[in-house]
C-alpha atoms as a PDB file:
ATOM      1  CA  MET A   1      11.447 226.781  -5.566  1.00  0.00           C
ATOM      2  CA  THR A   2      13.237 227.752  -8.695  1.00  0.00           C
ATOM      3  CA  GLU A   3      16.572 229.436  -8.239  1.00  0.00           C
ATOM      4  CA  PRO A   4      16.606 232.670 -10.474  1.00  0.00           C
ATOM      5  CA  ALA A   5      19.066 232.486 -13.353  1.00  0.00           C
ATOM      6  CA  PHE A   6      19.272 234.659 -16.416  1.00  0.00           C
ATOM      7  CA  ASP A   7      19.380 232.441 -19.600  1.00  0.00           C
ATOM      8  CA  GLU A   8      20.839 234.246 -22.623  1.00  0.00           C
ATOM      9  CA  LEU A   9      19.655 231.433 -24.933  1.00  0.00           C
ATOM     10  CA  ILE A  10      16.078 231.851 -23.855  1.00  0.00           C
ATOM     11  CA  HIS A  11      15.992 235.627 -23.468  1.00  0.00           C
ATOM     12  CA  PRO A  12      15.775 236.815 -27.238  1.00  0.00           C
ATOM     13  CA  PRO A  13      12.048 237.658 -27.783  1.00  0.00           C
ATOM     14  CA  HIS A  14      11.225 234.839 -30.282  1.00  0.00           C
ATOM     15  CA  ARG A  15      12.850 232.131 -28.202  1.00  0.00           C
ATOM     16  CA  LEU A  16      11.292 233.427 -24.951  1.00  0.00           C
ATOM     17  CA  LYS A  17       7.825 233.534 -26.533  1.00  0.00           C
ATOM     18  CA  MET A  18       8.297 230.116 -28.052  1.00  0.00           C
ATOM     19  CA  CYS A  19       9.368 228.537 -24.742  1.00  0.00           C
ATOM     20  CA  ALA A  20       6.480 230.186 -23.009  1.00  0.00           C
ATOM     21  CA  ILE A  21       4.066 228.754 -25.489  1.00  0.00           C
ATOM     22  CA  LEU A  22       5.667 225.276 -25.452  1.00  0.00           C
ATOM     23  CA  ALA A  23       5.512 225.209 -21.686  1.00  0.00           C
ATOM     24  CA  THR A  24       1.636 225.243 -21.986  1.00  0.00           C
ATOM     25  CA  ALA A  25       1.350 221.765 -23.574  1.00  0.00           C
ATOM     26  CA  GLN A  26       3.250 218.570 -24.191  1.00  0.00           C
ATOM     27  CA  SER A  27       3.951 219.633 -27.739  1.00  0.00           C
ATOM     28  CA  TRP A  28       2.890 222.044 -30.424  1.00  0.00           C
ATOM     29  CA  GLU A  29       3.019 221.774 -34.201  1.00  0.00           C
ATOM     30  CA  PHE A  30       5.815 223.845 -35.844  1.00  0.00           C
ATOM     31  CA  SER A  31       3.329 225.732 -38.109  1.00  0.00           C
ATOM     32  CA  THR A  32       1.202 226.697 -35.163  1.00  0.00           C
ATOM     33  CA  ILE A  33       4.193 228.199 -33.322  1.00  0.00           C
ATOM     34  CA  ARG A  34       5.341 229.956 -36.506  1.00  0.00           C
ATOM     35  CA  ASP A  35       1.841 231.503 -36.888  1.00  0.00           C
ATOM     36  CA  MET A  36       1.664 232.504 -33.247  1.00  0.00           C
ATOM     37  CA  LEU A  37       5.029 234.200 -33.476  1.00  0.00           C
ATOM     38  CA  ASP A  38       4.248 235.663 -36.911  1.00  0.00           C
ATOM     39  CA  VAL A  39       7.632 234.604 -38.301  1.00  0.00           C
ATOM     40  CA  SER A  40       8.791 232.796 -41.287  1.00  0.00           C
ATOM     41  CA  ASP A  41       9.690 229.026 -41.380  1.00  0.00           C
ATOM     42  CA  SER A  42      13.413 229.850 -41.678  1.00  0.00           C
ATOM     43  CA  VAL A  43      13.355 232.400 -38.723  1.00  0.00           C
ATOM     44  CA  LEU A  44      11.542 229.824 -36.521  1.00  0.00           C
ATOM     45  CA  SER A  45      13.860 226.984 -37.727  1.00  0.00           C
ATOM     46  CA  LYS A  46      16.965 228.999 -36.656  1.00  0.00           C
ATOM     47  CA  GLN A  47      15.527 229.759 -33.225  1.00  0.00           C
ATOM     48  CA  VAL A  48      14.429 226.064 -32.736  1.00  0.00           C
ATOM     49  CA  LYS A  49      17.917 224.906 -33.709  1.00  0.00           C
ATOM     50  CA  VAL A  50      19.539 227.092 -31.062  1.00  0.00           C
ATOM     51  CA  LEU A  51      17.121 225.685 -28.361  1.00  0.00           C
ATOM     52  CA  GLN A  52      17.516 222.172 -29.717  1.00  0.00           C
ATOM     53  CA  ASP A  53      21.263 222.269 -29.519  1.00  0.00           C
ATOM     54  CA  ALA A  54      21.009 223.363 -25.900  1.00  0.00           C
ATOM     55  CA  GLY A  55      18.746 220.485 -25.111  1.00  0.00           C
ATOM     56  CA  TYR A  56      15.839 222.741 -24.383  1.00  0.00           C
ATOM     57  CA  VAL A  57      13.599 221.666 -27.295  1.00  0.00           C
ATOM     58  CA  THR A  58      12.983 218.404 -29.128  1.00  0.00           C
ATOM     59  CA  VAL A  59      11.759 218.133 -32.674  1.00  0.00           C
ATOM     60  CA  THR A  60       9.688 215.197 -33.797  1.00  0.00           C
ATOM     61  CA  LYS A  61       8.483 214.554 -37.376  1.00  0.00           C
ATOM     62  CA  ALA A  62       5.364 212.507 -38.042  1.00  0.00           C
ATOM     63  CA  PRO A  63       3.755 211.476 -41.335  1.00  0.00           C
ATOM     64  CA  HIS A  64       0.157 212.868 -41.703  1.00  0.00           C
ATOM     65  CA  ASN A  65      -1.778 212.105 -44.849  1.00  0.00           C
ATOM     66  CA  SER A  66       0.490 213.272 -47.680  1.00  0.00           C
ATOM     67  CA  ARG A  67       2.823 215.397 -45.629  1.00  0.00           C
ATOM     68  CA  THR A  68       5.041 215.397 -42.633  1.00  0.00           C
ATOM     69  CA  ARG A  69       4.074 217.347 -39.628  1.00  0.00           C
ATOM     70  CA  THR A  70       6.747 218.724 -37.331  1.00  0.00           C
ATOM     71  CA  TRP A  71       6.120 218.837 -33.558  1.00  0.00           C
ATOM     72  CA  LEU A  72       8.100 220.867 -31.096  1.00  0.00           C
ATOM     73  CA  ALA A  73       8.291 220.091 -27.265  1.00  0.00           C
ATOM     74  CA  LEU A  74      10.066 221.711 -24.335  1.00  0.00           C
ATOM     75  CA  THR A  75      12.375 219.212 -22.540  1.00  0.00           C
ATOM     76  CA  GLU A  76      12.542 219.000 -18.785  1.00  0.00           C
ATOM     77  CA  THR A  77      15.847 220.857 -19.039  1.00  0.00           C
ATOM     78  CA  GLY A  78      14.084 223.482 -21.127  1.00  0.00           C
ATOM     79  CA  ARG A  79      11.228 223.826 -18.619  1.00  0.00           C
ATOM     80  CA  ALA A  80      13.727 224.183 -15.829  1.00  0.00           C
ATOM     81  CA  ALA A  81      15.745 226.824 -17.741  1.00  0.00           C
ATOM     82  CA  LEU A  82      12.537 228.694 -18.535  1.00  0.00           C
ATOM     83  CA  ALA A  83      11.393 228.649 -14.900  1.00  0.00           C
ATOM     84  CA  ALA A  84      14.814 229.902 -13.702  1.00  0.00           C
ATOM     85  CA  HIS A  85      14.828 232.637 -16.372  1.00  0.00           C
ATOM     86  CA  LEU A  86      11.332 233.797 -15.579  1.00  0.00           C
ATOM     87  CA  ALA A  87      12.207 233.911 -11.814  1.00  0.00           C
ATOM     88  CA  GLU A  88      15.204 236.061 -12.611  1.00  0.00           C
ATOM     89  CA  LEU A  89      13.099 238.419 -14.784  1.00  0.00           C
ATOM     90  CA  ARG A  90      10.645 238.775 -11.827  1.00  0.00           C
ATOM     91  CA  ARG A  91      13.588 239.411  -9.498  1.00  0.00           C
ATOM     92  CA  ILE A  92      14.902 242.171 -11.881  1.00  0.00           C
ATOM     93  CA  THR A  93      11.450 243.717 -12.283  1.00  0.00           C
ATOM     94  CA  ASP A  94      11.020 243.775  -8.513  1.00  0.00           C
ATOM     95  CA  LEU A  95      14.135 245.956  -8.470  1.00  0.00           C
ATOM     96  CA  ALA A  96      12.290 248.556 -10.426  1.00  0.00           C
ATOM     97  CA  SER A  97       9.455 248.801  -7.968  1.00  0.00           C
ATOM     98  CA  VAL A  98       8.456 252.414  -7.355  1.00  0.00           C
ATOM     99  CA  ALA A  99       8.811 251.919  -3.554  1.00  0.00           C
ATOM    100  CA  ASP A 100      12.477 251.006  -4.125  1.00  0.00           C
ATOM    101  CA  PHE A 101      13.407 254.366  -5.596  1.00  0.00           C
ATOM    102  CA  PRO A 102      13.956 257.598  -3.587  1.00  0.00           C
ATOM    103  CA  SER A 103      11.554 260.425  -4.592  1.00  0.00           C
ATOM    104  CA  ALA A 104      13.232 262.818  -7.065  1.00  0.00           C
ATOM    105  CA  ASN A 105      13.290 266.423  -5.880  1.00  0.00           C
END
C-alpha cells in the first residue's frame, strides 16, 4: 500500500495531468502530451524540466524520418511519487466527506 505524501513538484495542474497521462503507458511523445494539455512547447518544456530534475521523468530523443521525436516517460521514482500524491489527495478529499461535518443550524 502506498503511503500518502503530498508532492509539491507534482501538484501544479500541468504537472499533475502530465504525470497522470505518462502513468498510463511506457512513454508518450512530447507533442501528444503538449496537445493533450493544450499548452505551448515552451510551457511543457519548463514543466518537463522540473520533473526531469527531480528524477520523475526521462526525456529520450529519437530520429524519425527528417526530424527528431522526443519521448517522455515517468520513472519508477515518478510513479511512486505520483501514487503517494494521489493517495494523499484521496485522504484529503475523504476529510471533506459530508458525513464528517456537523449539520449547520
